[in-house]
Amino acid sequence: MSVTMPAAAAPWAPPQLTMNRKVLAFATMCVGMFIALLDIQIVSASLRDIGGGLSAGADETVWVQTSYLIAEIIVIPMSGWLSRVFSTRWLFAGSAAGFTVASMLCGMAWDINSMIAFRALQGFIGGSMIPMVFTTAFYFFAGKQRVIAAATVGALASLAPTLGPTVGGWITDHFSWHWLFFINLVPGIFVAVVVPMLVKIDRPNLNLIKDADYFGILLMSLFLGCLEYTLEEGPRLDWFGDHVILTTAWISGLAGVGFIWRTLTYAHPIVDLRALKDRNFALGCFFSFITGIGIFATIYLTPLFLGRVRGFSALEIGLAVFSTGIFQIMSIPLYSWLANRVDLRWLMMVGLAMFAVSMWNFAPITHDWGADQLMLPQALRGMGQQFAVAPTVTLTLGGLAPDRLKLASGLFNLMRNLGGAIGIAACATIINDRTNLHFQRLAEHLNASNEAMGQMLSCAGSNLLAWGLDNGSAQAGALRQLWTLTLREAQTQTFGDVFLCVMVCFVLAFAMVPLMRKIAPPKAPSADAH
């Protein structure tokens, strides 16, 4: 059952745009979506610098990223309803303008509390831009142009978070962390000015405010906000051993059940859960969830490995992972050419398979891996992202009726971010647990009968004695070196384990692709078909 428009909404025919104006309007909106997605991860490689500049500890600094994610994940599913209330034109322009102001405030933050507040504001205001680009692509374009538009949106959705650590590390290394936010000012102003001039595809319907499900909005905010907090902070705070995590988990679970019940029974819901009755949409949300795990988990894991095990700086980490984005960009023309000639389900299977093979190539990782060793698995991941995400967009949203595309698009985009949050939380938990396990297993072999260990301790002790240390201090120093080496190897083995877990997720998704149907797109979009 689709969500119906109130009777007060008068029919309105949007002005016809030339193809050049459509491309310019779509490209402008893509800029807005790109900077909103880029800012998810742009601070990840620079949290230490931000904490130092604001005199904040690691526990406080982590909220610079968490506050943005919580705010964004709340507003994304609301974007469809908000665009019907204020129109795509004015909501997108307002979001871009607010995002720009919030970015400026982040760069001018005077302490960690102000930074956290401004980052939450930035995520909440800017989050609406992401799903609106997806739906507008299906309004503006049809046929081959729609395939190219979907490929572009899919590429940006996975490329922006991937490039975040690289761009952030380079900016922090060459300028200062303040410019992580100031770089948004020029593109943000450009989007806020140009979008109202070009994007005239619907008009506001303020009557929807009267029938809005405000109780459903409250339940959804509690559900997603507490869930995001639980997932972000759980691995660091020992999950349910912490009373705050236990409380937020209970609130999220109860609010989630209430939200589902409310959405399925209310006449004018904020999110169209009934769209999940469509097999392609339900499977598409699942694939969006899995690709979210893959994209965000690997963005989390690779810099973490390079920082912890290799000791790379923010810039060195960015340069090492940069190849992923390069290979994804290079694969866009190939995908666009194939998408008009090959069943999209086959292309999706190829993308998911490449992502799985990439994780398989990550698994034998060793402590001396750098950019050269990461090149092949990251090349496969970059191409896999393009071939997995873009067809998922088309197969999931391309067959939906125009009157439910807006509300369903928010849910589709939410699943990607939710997959990322759950994926990162799971990876962090596995790293904590498996590192201890591998360390204990390695330590079992470090005994008096181990000749190699004895030689290593003897050599290290001799070197420390040569530096002027007494015999007791030299022995303690040698044991400390042994402990460090053992921990390094335990961490390295753990990263291999986590990459294999991500691979299993993509193997499962690969097996489910044949369940999707070919889509039959609507003949002509309505004014609400974006």
Protein backbone atom coordinates (compact mmCIF):
# COMPACT_ATOMS: atom_id res chain seq x y z
CA MET A 1 0.00 0.00 0.00
CA SER A 2 1.57 3.28 -1.05
CA VAL A 3 1.50 6.46 0.96
CA THR A 4 -1.06 8.85 -0.58
CA MET A 5 -0.71 12.57 -0.94
CA PRO A 6 -3.17 14.74 0.96
CA ALA A 7 -6.05 16.18 -1.06
CA ALA A 8 -4.72 19.68 -0.52
CA ALA A 9 -1.77 18.99 -2.81
CA ALA A 10 -2.75 20.54 -6.14
CA PRO A 11 -1.43 19.00 -9.35
CA TRP A 12 1.62 20.78 -10.66
CA ALA A 13 3.67 20.26 -13.78
CA PRO A 14 7.38 20.96 -13.34
CA PRO A 15 9.09 22.96 -16.09
CA GLN A 16 10.83 20.93 -18.76
CA LEU A 17 14.61 21.18 -18.60
CA THR A 18 17.09 20.66 -21.39
CA MET A 19 19.52 17.79 -20.98
CA ASN A 20 22.38 20.23 -20.33
CA ARG A 21 20.47 21.88 -17.48
CA LYS A 22 19.56 18.48 -16.04
CA VAL A 23 23.20 17.39 -16.09
CA LEU A 24 24.31 20.65 -14.47
CA ALA A 25 21.60 20.42 -11.80
CA PHE A 26 22.42 16.78 -11.10
CA ALA A 27 26.16 17.46 -10.98
CA THR A 28 25.61 20.33 -8.54
CA MET A 29 23.58 18.10 -6.24
CA CYS A 30 26.29 15.43 -6.49
CA VAL A 31 28.79 17.98 -5.17
CA GLY A 32 26.59 18.49 -2.12
CA MET A 33 26.22 14.76 -1.54
CA PHE A 34 29.96 14.22 -1.98
CA ILE A 35 31.02 16.74 0.68
CA ALA A 36 28.38 15.39 3.10
CA LEU A 37 29.70 11.84 2.63
CA LEU A 38 33.34 12.92 2.63
CA ASP A 39 32.93 14.53 6.05
CA ILE A 40 31.99 11.18 7.61
CA GLN A 41 35.59 9.98 7.41
CA ILE A 42 37.60 13.15 6.72
CA VAL A 43 38.39 13.54 10.43
CA SER A 44 39.25 9.88 11.06
CA ALA A 45 42.96 10.25 10.33
CA SER A 46 43.22 13.57 12.19
CA LEU A 47 41.44 12.96 15.51
CA ARG A 48 44.74 13.11 17.38
CA ASP A 49 45.50 16.56 15.90
CA ILE A 50 41.98 17.82 16.64
CA GLY A 51 42.20 16.54 20.22
CA GLY A 52 45.56 18.22 20.68
CA GLY A 53 44.29 21.52 19.28
CA LEU A 54 41.24 21.50 21.54
CA SER A 55 43.02 20.07 24.62
CA ALA A 56 40.80 16.98 24.63
CA GLY A 57 41.53 13.37 25.48
CA ALA A 58 40.96 10.38 23.23
CA ASP A 59 37.63 9.51 24.90
CA GLU A 60 36.28 12.99 24.14
CA THR A 61 37.81 13.33 20.67
CA VAL A 62 36.09 10.19 19.37
CA TRP A 63 32.80 12.10 19.66
CA VAL A 64 33.93 14.41 16.84
CA GLN A 65 33.07 11.52 14.52
CA THR A 66 30.35 9.82 16.57
CA SER A 67 28.18 12.95 16.92
CA TYR A 68 28.19 13.45 13.15
CA LEU A 69 27.23 9.82 12.50
CA ILE A 70 24.40 9.83 15.05
CA ALA A 71 22.88 13.03 13.67
CA GLU A 72 23.22 11.94 10.05
CA ILE A 73 21.73 8.48 10.57
CA ILE A 74 18.65 10.07 12.18
CA VAL A 75 17.94 12.58 9.40
CA ILE A 76 18.58 10.33 6.37
CA PRO A 77 15.34 8.32 6.63
CA MET A 78 13.41 11.57 7.25
CA SER A 79 14.69 13.21 4.07
CA GLY A 80 11.91 11.85 1.84
CA TRP A 81 9.18 13.37 4.01
CA LEU A 82 11.14 16.61 4.45
CA SER A 83 11.56 16.99 0.67
CA ARG A 84 7.79 16.60 0.20
CA VAL A 85 7.18 19.28 2.81
CA PHE A 86 9.76 21.86 1.67
CA SER A 87 10.39 20.59 -1.91
CA THR A 88 13.61 19.08 -3.16
CA ARG A 89 14.76 22.49 -4.36
CA TRP A 90 14.56 24.34 -1.07
CA LEU A 91 15.43 21.45 1.24
CA PHE A 92 18.61 20.72 -0.69
CA ALA A 93 19.57 24.40 -0.84
CA GLY A 94 18.81 24.86 2.86
CA SER A 95 20.77 21.74 3.74
CA ALA A 96 23.77 22.94 1.73
CA ALA A 97 23.63 26.39 3.32
CA GLY A 98 23.26 24.99 6.84
CA PHE A 99 26.02 22.45 6.23
CA THR A 100 28.31 25.27 5.09
CA VAL A 101 27.61 27.37 8.19
CA ALA A 102 28.07 24.36 10.46
CA SER A 103 31.38 23.55 8.72
CA MET A 104 32.60 27.08 9.37
CA LEU A 105 31.62 26.78 13.03
CA CYS A 106 33.48 23.44 13.30
CA GLY A 107 36.64 25.09 11.99
CA MET A 108 36.20 27.89 14.55
CA ALA A 109 35.39 25.61 17.51
CA TRP A 110 36.99 26.82 20.74
CA ASP A 111 36.77 23.61 22.79
CA ILE A 112 35.78 19.97 22.40
CA ASN A 113 32.18 20.55 23.53
CA SER A 114 31.58 23.21 20.90
CA MET A 115 33.20 20.99 18.26
CA ILE A 116 30.93 18.05 19.14
CA ALA A 117 27.83 20.27 19.02
CA PHE A 118 28.78 21.78 15.66
CA ARG A 119 29.63 18.38 14.19
CA ALA A 120 26.22 17.05 15.23
CA LEU A 121 24.61 20.09 13.59
CA GLN A 122 26.70 19.53 10.47
CA GLY A 123 25.65 15.88 10.19
CA PHE A 124 21.96 16.56 10.86
CA ILE A 125 21.64 19.40 8.37
CA GLY A 126 23.82 17.88 5.65
CA GLY A 127 22.45 14.34 5.84
CA SER A 128 19.35 15.19 3.82
CA MET A 129 21.42 15.84 0.71
CA ILE A 130 22.49 12.20 0.36
CA PRO A 131 19.21 10.38 -0.44
CA MET A 132 17.81 13.30 -2.47
CA VAL A 133 20.53 12.82 -5.10
CA PHE A 134 19.54 9.16 -5.49
CA THR A 135 15.88 9.97 -6.12
CA THR A 136 16.55 12.99 -8.33
CA ALA A 137 18.68 10.81 -10.63
CA PHE A 138 15.58 8.70 -11.37
CA TYR A 139 13.50 11.82 -12.00
CA PHE A 140 15.89 13.56 -14.37
CA PHE A 141 17.08 10.62 -16.45
CA ALA A 142 15.79 7.52 -18.20
CA GLY A 143 17.27 4.69 -20.25
CA LYS A 144 21.02 4.82 -20.79
CA GLN A 145 21.30 8.20 -19.07
CA ARG A 146 19.75 6.69 -15.95
CA VAL A 147 22.37 3.93 -15.93
CA ILE A 148 25.17 6.49 -16.11
CA ALA A 149 23.52 8.60 -13.40
CA ALA A 150 23.16 5.56 -11.13
CA ALA A 151 26.79 4.64 -11.77
CA THR A 152 27.84 8.16 -10.82
CA VAL A 153 25.76 8.20 -7.63
CA GLY A 154 26.95 4.73 -6.66
CA ALA A 155 30.56 5.71 -7.27
CA LEU A 156 30.29 8.85 -5.15
CA ALA A 157 28.47 7.01 -2.35
CA SER A 158 31.36 4.59 -1.93
CA LEU A 159 34.22 6.79 -3.13
CA ALA A 160 33.69 9.74 -0.78
CA PRO A 161 34.11 7.77 2.49
CA THR A 162 37.04 5.91 0.94
CA LEU A 163 38.85 9.16 0.10
CA GLY A 164 38.03 10.73 3.48
CA PRO A 165 41.15 9.56 5.36
CA THR A 166 43.39 10.41 2.39
CA VAL A 167 42.05 13.93 1.95
CA GLY A 168 41.93 14.54 5.70
CA GLY A 169 45.46 13.29 6.26
CA TRP A 170 46.86 15.45 3.45
CA ILE A 171 45.06 18.59 4.63
CA THR A 172 46.14 18.13 8.25
CA ASP A 173 49.73 17.42 7.23
CA HIS A 174 50.05 20.45 4.92
CA PHE A 175 47.79 22.99 6.63
CA SER A 176 45.91 22.38 9.90
CA TRP A 177 42.90 20.42 11.09
CA HIS A 178 40.74 23.58 10.82
CA TRP A 179 40.87 23.26 7.03
CA LEU A 180 39.15 19.89 7.21
CA PHE A 181 36.00 21.99 7.63
CA PHE A 182 36.88 25.23 5.85
CA ILE A 183 37.27 23.38 2.52
CA ASN A 184 33.48 22.89 2.56
CA LEU A 185 32.77 26.62 2.36
CA VAL A 186 33.25 27.23 -1.38
CA PRO A 187 31.45 24.09 -2.68
CA GLY A 188 28.73 24.53 -0.03
CA ILE A 189 28.00 28.12 -1.10
CA PHE A 190 28.06 27.06 -4.76
CA VAL A 191 25.49 24.30 -4.17
CA ALA A 192 23.26 26.53 -2.02
CA VAL A 193 23.14 29.18 -4.77
CA VAL A 194 22.90 27.01 -7.90
CA VAL A 195 20.37 24.36 -6.78
CA PRO A 196 17.43 26.82 -6.36
CA MET A 197 18.13 28.12 -9.86
CA LEU A 198 18.05 24.72 -11.58
CA VAL A 199 16.23 22.10 -9.50
CA LYS A 200 12.53 22.86 -10.00
CA ILE A 201 10.95 19.42 -10.00
CA ASP A 202 8.37 19.73 -7.23
CA ARG A 203 6.93 22.33 -4.91
CA PRO A 204 6.46 22.57 -1.14
CA ASN A 205 3.42 21.04 0.55
CA LEU A 206 3.35 22.53 4.04
CA ASN A 207 0.00 20.82 4.70
CA LEU A 208 1.96 17.63 5.37
CA ILE A 209 3.22 19.19 8.61
CA LYS A 210 -0.25 18.89 10.13
CA ASP A 211 -0.46 15.12 9.54
CA ALA A 212 3.17 14.37 10.35
CA ASP A 213 3.88 11.42 12.61
CA TYR A 214 5.80 13.28 15.30
CA PHE A 215 5.60 10.36 17.71
CA GLY A 216 7.08 8.14 14.98
CA ILE A 217 9.88 10.68 14.48
CA LEU A 218 10.63 10.56 18.21
CA LEU A 219 10.70 6.75 18.24
CA MET A 220 12.90 6.64 15.14
CA SER A 221 15.32 9.19 16.61
CA LEU A 222 15.62 7.22 19.86
CA PHE A 223 16.00 3.95 17.97
CA LEU A 224 18.69 5.09 15.52
CA GLY A 225 20.48 7.52 17.84
CA CYS A 226 20.84 5.02 20.69
CA LEU A 227 21.71 2.23 18.25
CA GLU A 228 24.48 4.30 16.68
CA TYR A 229 25.84 5.24 20.10
CA THR A 230 25.76 1.60 21.23
CA LEU A 231 27.60 0.45 18.11
CA GLU A 232 30.17 3.23 18.20
CA GLU A 233 31.00 3.13 21.89
CA GLY A 234 30.29 -0.57 22.64
CA PRO A 235 33.68 -2.00 21.57
CA ARG A 236 35.54 0.65 23.58
CA LEU A 237 33.40 0.33 26.73
CA ASP A 238 33.18 -3.49 26.91
CA TRP A 239 29.63 -3.58 25.53
CA PHE A 240 27.00 -4.60 28.08
CA GLY A 241 29.49 -4.52 30.90
CA ASP A 242 28.96 -0.75 30.83
CA HIS A 243 25.63 0.43 32.27
CA VAL A 244 25.31 3.30 29.76
CA ILE A 245 25.72 0.93 26.79
CA LEU A 246 23.22 -1.47 28.34
CA THR A 247 20.71 1.38 28.80
CA THR A 248 21.07 2.74 25.25
CA ALA A 249 20.76 -0.79 23.84
CA TRP A 250 17.47 -1.33 25.70
CA ILE A 251 16.14 2.08 24.62
CA SER A 252 17.11 1.37 21.01
CA GLY A 253 15.46 -2.05 21.02
CA LEU A 254 12.20 -0.89 22.57
CA ALA A 255 12.04 2.26 20.43
CA GLY A 256 12.79 0.19 17.32
CA VAL A 257 9.87 -2.15 17.96
CA GLY A 258 7.62 0.83 18.66
CA PHE A 259 8.77 2.60 15.52
CA ILE A 260 8.04 -0.39 13.29
CA TRP A 261 4.58 -0.79 14.81
CA ARG A 262 3.85 2.92 14.48
CA THR A 263 5.07 3.12 10.87
CA LEU A 264 2.95 0.16 9.76
CA THR A 265 -0.23 1.47 11.42
CA TYR A 266 -0.04 5.26 10.91
CA ALA A 267 -1.72 6.76 7.84
CA HIS A 268 1.14 9.08 6.92
CA PRO A 269 4.44 7.47 8.07
CA ILE A 270 7.82 9.15 7.85
CA VAL A 271 9.46 6.04 6.36
CA ASP A 272 7.76 3.66 3.94
CA LEU A 273 8.50 0.24 5.46
CA ARG A 274 5.80 -1.29 3.26
CA ALA A 275 8.17 -0.91 0.34
CA LEU A 276 10.00 -3.92 1.81
CA LYS A 277 7.17 -6.06 0.43
CA ASP A 278 8.80 -5.50 -2.95
CA ARG A 279 11.37 -8.28 -3.31
CA ASN A 280 13.92 -6.19 -5.19
CA PHE A 281 13.70 -3.36 -2.68
CA ALA A 282 14.06 -5.70 0.31
CA LEU A 283 17.04 -7.48 -1.27
CA GLY A 284 18.48 -4.14 -2.37
CA CYS A 285 18.39 -2.88 1.21
CA PHE A 286 20.20 -6.07 2.25
CA PHE A 287 22.87 -5.55 -0.42
CA SER A 288 23.17 -1.90 0.61
CA PHE A 289 23.70 -3.10 4.18
CA ILE A 290 26.42 -5.56 3.11
CA THR A 291 28.23 -3.03 0.91
CA GLY A 292 28.06 -0.61 3.84
CA ILE A 293 29.84 -3.22 5.96
CA GLY A 294 32.49 -3.71 3.29
CA ILE A 295 33.11 -0.06 2.49
CA PHE A 296 33.20 1.34 6.01
CA ALA A 297 34.83 -1.69 7.67
CA THR A 298 37.77 -1.66 5.26
CA ILE A 299 38.09 2.12 5.58
CA TYR A 300 38.32 1.49 9.33
CA LEU A 301 40.61 -1.55 9.20
CA THR A 302 43.27 -0.52 6.70
CA PRO A 303 44.24 2.82 8.32
CA LEU A 304 44.06 1.15 11.74
CA PHE A 305 46.52 -1.53 10.63
CA LEU A 306 48.87 0.99 9.04
CA GLY A 307 48.77 3.18 12.14
CA ARG A 308 49.07 0.50 14.83
CA VAL A 309 51.34 -2.02 13.16
CA ARG A 310 53.34 0.06 10.69
CA GLY A 311 53.29 3.34 12.62
CA PHE A 312 52.35 5.37 9.54
CA SER A 313 51.46 9.06 9.81
CA ALA A 314 48.07 10.40 8.68
CA LEU A 315 49.50 11.41 5.28
CA GLU A 316 51.30 8.08 4.79
CA ILE A 317 48.07 6.23 5.58
CA GLY A 318 46.14 8.37 3.11
CA LEU A 319 48.64 7.73 0.33
CA ALA A 320 48.69 3.99 1.05
CA VAL A 321 44.90 3.61 0.72
CA PHE A 322 44.54 6.07 -2.17
CA SER A 323 44.73 3.34 -4.80
CA THR A 324 41.21 2.15 -3.94
CA GLY A 325 39.68 5.40 -5.14
CA ILE A 326 41.84 5.50 -8.26
CA PHE A 327 40.75 2.05 -9.42
CA GLN A 328 37.11 2.79 -8.66
CA ILE A 329 37.21 5.94 -10.79
CA MET A 330 38.94 4.05 -13.59
CA SER A 331 36.20 1.39 -13.56
CA ILE A 332 33.29 3.83 -14.00
CA PRO A 333 33.50 4.02 -17.84
CA LEU A 334 33.75 0.23 -18.10
CA TYR A 335 30.75 -0.24 -15.83
CA SER A 336 28.69 2.36 -17.73
CA TRP A 337 29.46 0.63 -21.04
CA LEU A 338 28.61 -2.83 -19.71
CA ALA A 339 25.48 -1.70 -17.83
CA ASN A 340 23.69 -0.95 -21.10
CA ARG A 341 24.59 -4.35 -22.55
CA VAL A 342 24.66 -6.84 -19.66
CA ASP A 343 22.08 -7.85 -17.07
CA LEU A 344 22.73 -5.69 -14.00
CA ARG A 345 22.41 -8.73 -11.77
CA TRP A 346 25.46 -10.26 -13.43
CA LEU A 347 27.41 -7.05 -12.93
CA MET A 348 26.40 -6.98 -9.27
CA MET A 349 27.60 -10.56 -8.84
CA VAL A 350 30.93 -9.60 -10.41
CA GLY A 351 31.25 -6.65 -8.03
CA LEU A 352 30.41 -8.68 -4.94
CA ALA A 353 32.77 -11.45 -6.06
CA MET A 354 35.61 -8.95 -6.61
CA PHE A 355 35.03 -7.50 -3.16
CA ALA A 356 35.13 -11.00 -1.64
CA VAL A 357 38.34 -11.85 -3.52
CA SER A 358 39.80 -8.55 -2.32
CA MET A 359 39.16 -9.53 1.28
CA TRP A 360 40.69 -12.96 0.57
CA ASN A 361 43.82 -11.19 -0.70
CA PHE A 362 43.91 -9.06 2.45
CA ALA A 363 43.83 -12.14 4.70
CA PRO A 364 47.56 -13.17 4.46
CA ILE A 365 48.59 -9.69 5.64
CA THR A 366 51.97 -9.42 7.40
CA HIS A 367 53.54 -6.78 9.61
CA ASP A 368 55.60 -5.28 6.76
CA TRP A 369 52.72 -4.62 4.34
CA GLY A 370 52.62 -1.12 2.85
CA ALA A 371 51.26 0.61 -0.24
CA ASP A 372 52.90 -1.87 -2.65
CA GLN A 373 51.46 -4.97 -0.97
CA LEU A 374 48.04 -3.30 -0.58
CA MET A 375 47.82 -2.39 -4.26
CA LEU A 376 46.19 -5.61 -5.59
CA PRO A 377 43.54 -6.10 -2.87
CA GLN A 378 42.69 -2.40 -2.94
CA ALA A 379 42.43 -2.40 -6.73
CA LEU A 380 39.98 -5.30 -6.53
CA ARG A 381 38.06 -3.52 -3.77
CA GLY A 382 37.83 -0.27 -5.73
CA MET A 383 36.48 -1.98 -8.83
CA GLY A 384 34.27 -4.22 -6.71
CA GLN A 385 32.70 -1.19 -5.02
CA GLN A 386 31.73 0.30 -8.37
CA PHE A 387 30.31 -2.93 -9.78
CA ALA A 388 28.45 -3.78 -6.56
CA VAL A 389 26.98 -0.42 -5.51
CA ALA A 390 25.85 1.09 -8.82
CA PRO A 391 23.66 -1.84 -10.01
CA THR A 392 22.21 -2.13 -6.52
CA VAL A 393 20.95 1.47 -6.80
CA THR A 394 19.28 0.83 -10.16
CA LEU A 395 17.79 -2.56 -9.30
CA THR A 396 16.48 -1.38 -5.92
CA LEU A 397 15.05 2.05 -6.72
CA GLY A 398 14.51 1.82 -10.49
CA GLY A 399 11.40 -0.34 -10.25
CA LEU A 400 9.58 1.49 -7.44
CA ALA A 401 6.42 3.45 -8.14
CA PRO A 402 7.06 7.21 -8.23
CA ASP A 403 4.75 7.98 -5.29
CA ARG A 404 6.87 5.95 -2.87
CA LEU A 405 10.37 6.51 -4.24
CA LYS A 406 11.17 9.43 -1.94
CA LEU A 407 10.28 7.71 1.32
CA ALA A 408 11.88 4.42 0.25
CA SER A 409 15.14 6.08 -0.83
CA GLY A 410 15.78 7.28 2.72
CA LEU A 411 15.44 3.71 4.00
CA PHE A 412 17.77 2.40 1.29
CA ASN A 413 20.49 4.93 2.18
CA LEU A 414 19.97 4.32 5.89
CA MET A 415 20.81 0.63 5.42
CA ARG A 416 24.22 1.48 3.96
CA ASN A 417 25.15 3.69 6.92
CA LEU A 418 23.69 1.18 9.37
CA GLY A 419 25.74 -1.58 7.77
CA GLY A 420 28.82 0.57 8.15
CA ALA A 421 28.11 1.24 11.83
CA ILE A 422 27.47 -2.43 12.62
CA GLY A 423 30.45 -3.52 10.53
CA ILE A 424 32.87 -1.19 12.30
CA ALA A 425 31.53 -2.19 15.72
CA ALA A 426 31.86 -5.89 14.88
CA CYS A 427 35.39 -5.39 13.54
CA ALA A 428 36.46 -3.49 16.65
CA THR A 429 35.07 -6.25 18.87
CA ILE A 430 36.77 -9.00 16.87
CA ILE A 431 40.07 -7.11 16.99
CA ASN A 432 39.89 -6.80 20.76
CA ASP A 433 38.99 -10.45 21.34
CA ARG A 434 41.14 -12.11 18.69
CA THR A 435 44.22 -10.04 19.53
CA ASN A 436 44.15 -11.42 23.06
CA LEU A 437 43.62 -14.95 21.74
CA HIS A 438 46.50 -14.77 19.24
CA PHE A 439 48.77 -13.16 21.84
CA GLN A 440 48.11 -16.00 24.28
CA ARG A 441 48.73 -18.63 21.61
CA LEU A 442 52.00 -17.00 20.59
CA ALA A 443 53.03 -16.60 24.24
CA GLU A 444 52.58 -20.35 24.80
CA HIS A 445 55.56 -20.96 22.50
CA LEU A 446 57.75 -18.32 24.15
CA ASN A 447 59.41 -20.49 26.78
CA ALA A 448 62.89 -21.61 27.75
CA SER A 449 62.97 -24.33 25.07
CA ASN A 450 62.54 -21.77 22.28
CA GLU A 451 66.07 -21.21 20.97
CA ALA A 452 65.12 -18.37 18.65
CA MET A 453 63.54 -16.47 21.53
CA GLY A 454 66.62 -17.02 23.67
CA GLN A 455 68.90 -15.67 20.96
CA MET A 456 66.65 -12.65 20.44
CA LEU A 457 66.62 -11.80 24.18
CA SER A 458 70.37 -12.28 24.41
CA CYS A 459 71.03 -10.02 21.43
CA ALA A 460 68.59 -7.34 22.62
CA GLY A 461 70.04 -7.46 26.15
CA SER A 462 73.59 -7.09 24.81
CA ASN A 463 72.59 -4.06 22.76
CA LEU A 464 70.97 -2.41 25.76
CA LEU A 465 74.03 -3.14 27.92
CA ALA A 466 76.15 -1.46 25.26
CA TRP A 467 73.96 1.63 25.72
CA GLY A 468 75.00 1.80 29.37
CA LEU A 469 72.07 0.12 31.09
CA ASP A 470 72.63 -2.16 34.06
CA ASN A 471 71.98 -5.89 33.75
CA GLY A 472 68.47 -5.81 35.30
CA SER A 473 67.31 -2.91 33.15
CA ALA A 474 68.75 -4.54 30.04
CA GLN A 475 66.85 -7.79 30.72
CA ALA A 476 63.63 -5.86 31.35
CA GLY A 477 64.13 -3.90 28.15
CA ALA A 478 64.72 -7.07 26.14
CA LEU A 479 61.53 -8.62 27.52
CA ARG A 480 59.66 -5.43 26.64
CA GLN A 481 60.89 -5.70 23.06
CA LEU A 482 59.73 -9.32 22.95
CA TRP A 483 56.31 -8.32 24.27
CA THR A 484 56.04 -5.58 21.61
CA LEU A 485 56.96 -7.96 18.79
CA THR A 486 54.48 -10.56 20.05
CA LEU A 487 51.69 -8.00 20.23
CA ARG A 488 52.51 -6.78 16.72
CA GLU A 489 52.23 -10.28 15.30
CA ALA A 490 49.03 -10.97 17.27
CA GLN A 491 47.47 -7.79 15.90
CA THR A 492 48.56 -8.64 12.35
CA GLN A 493 46.99 -12.11 12.53
CA THR A 494 43.82 -10.55 13.91
CA PHE A 495 43.47 -8.16 10.98
CA GLY A 496 43.67 -11.17 8.66
CA ASP A 497 40.84 -12.81 10.62
CA VAL A 498 38.64 -9.73 10.34
CA PHE A 499 39.13 -9.44 6.59
CA LEU A 500 38.02 -13.07 6.24
CA CYS A 501 34.85 -12.28 8.24
CA VAL A 502 34.05 -9.44 5.84
CA MET A 503 34.66 -11.83 2.94
CA VAL A 504 32.04 -14.23 4.32
CA CYS A 505 29.44 -11.42 4.25
CA PHE A 506 30.10 -10.81 0.55
CA VAL A 507 30.03 -14.50 -0.31
CA LEU A 508 26.57 -14.65 1.28
CA ALA A 509 25.42 -11.59 -0.67
CA PHE A 510 26.84 -13.05 -3.89
CA ALA A 511 24.73 -16.18 -3.43
CA MET A 512 21.53 -14.13 -3.00
CA VAL A 513 21.80 -12.00 -6.16
CA PRO A 514 19.87 -14.49 -8.36
CA LEU A 515 16.81 -13.85 -6.15
CA MET A 516 16.51 -10.34 -7.61
CA ARG A 517 14.25 -9.73 -10.59
CA LYS A 518 14.90 -7.64 -13.66
CA ILE A 519 13.31 -4.24 -13.20
CA ALA A 520 10.62 -2.63 -15.29
CA PRO A 521 11.02 1.11 -14.66
CA PRO A 522 7.92 3.35 -14.66
CA LYS A 523 7.03 4.72 -18.07
CA ALA A 524 7.11 8.34 -16.93
CA PRO A 525 7.92 9.80 -13.56
CA SER A 526 5.46 11.93 -11.71
CA ALA A 527 6.33 15.19 -10.03
CA ASP A 528 7.02 13.22 -6.91
CA ALA A 529 9.32 10.71 -8.53
CA HIS A 530 12.56 11.72 -6.99
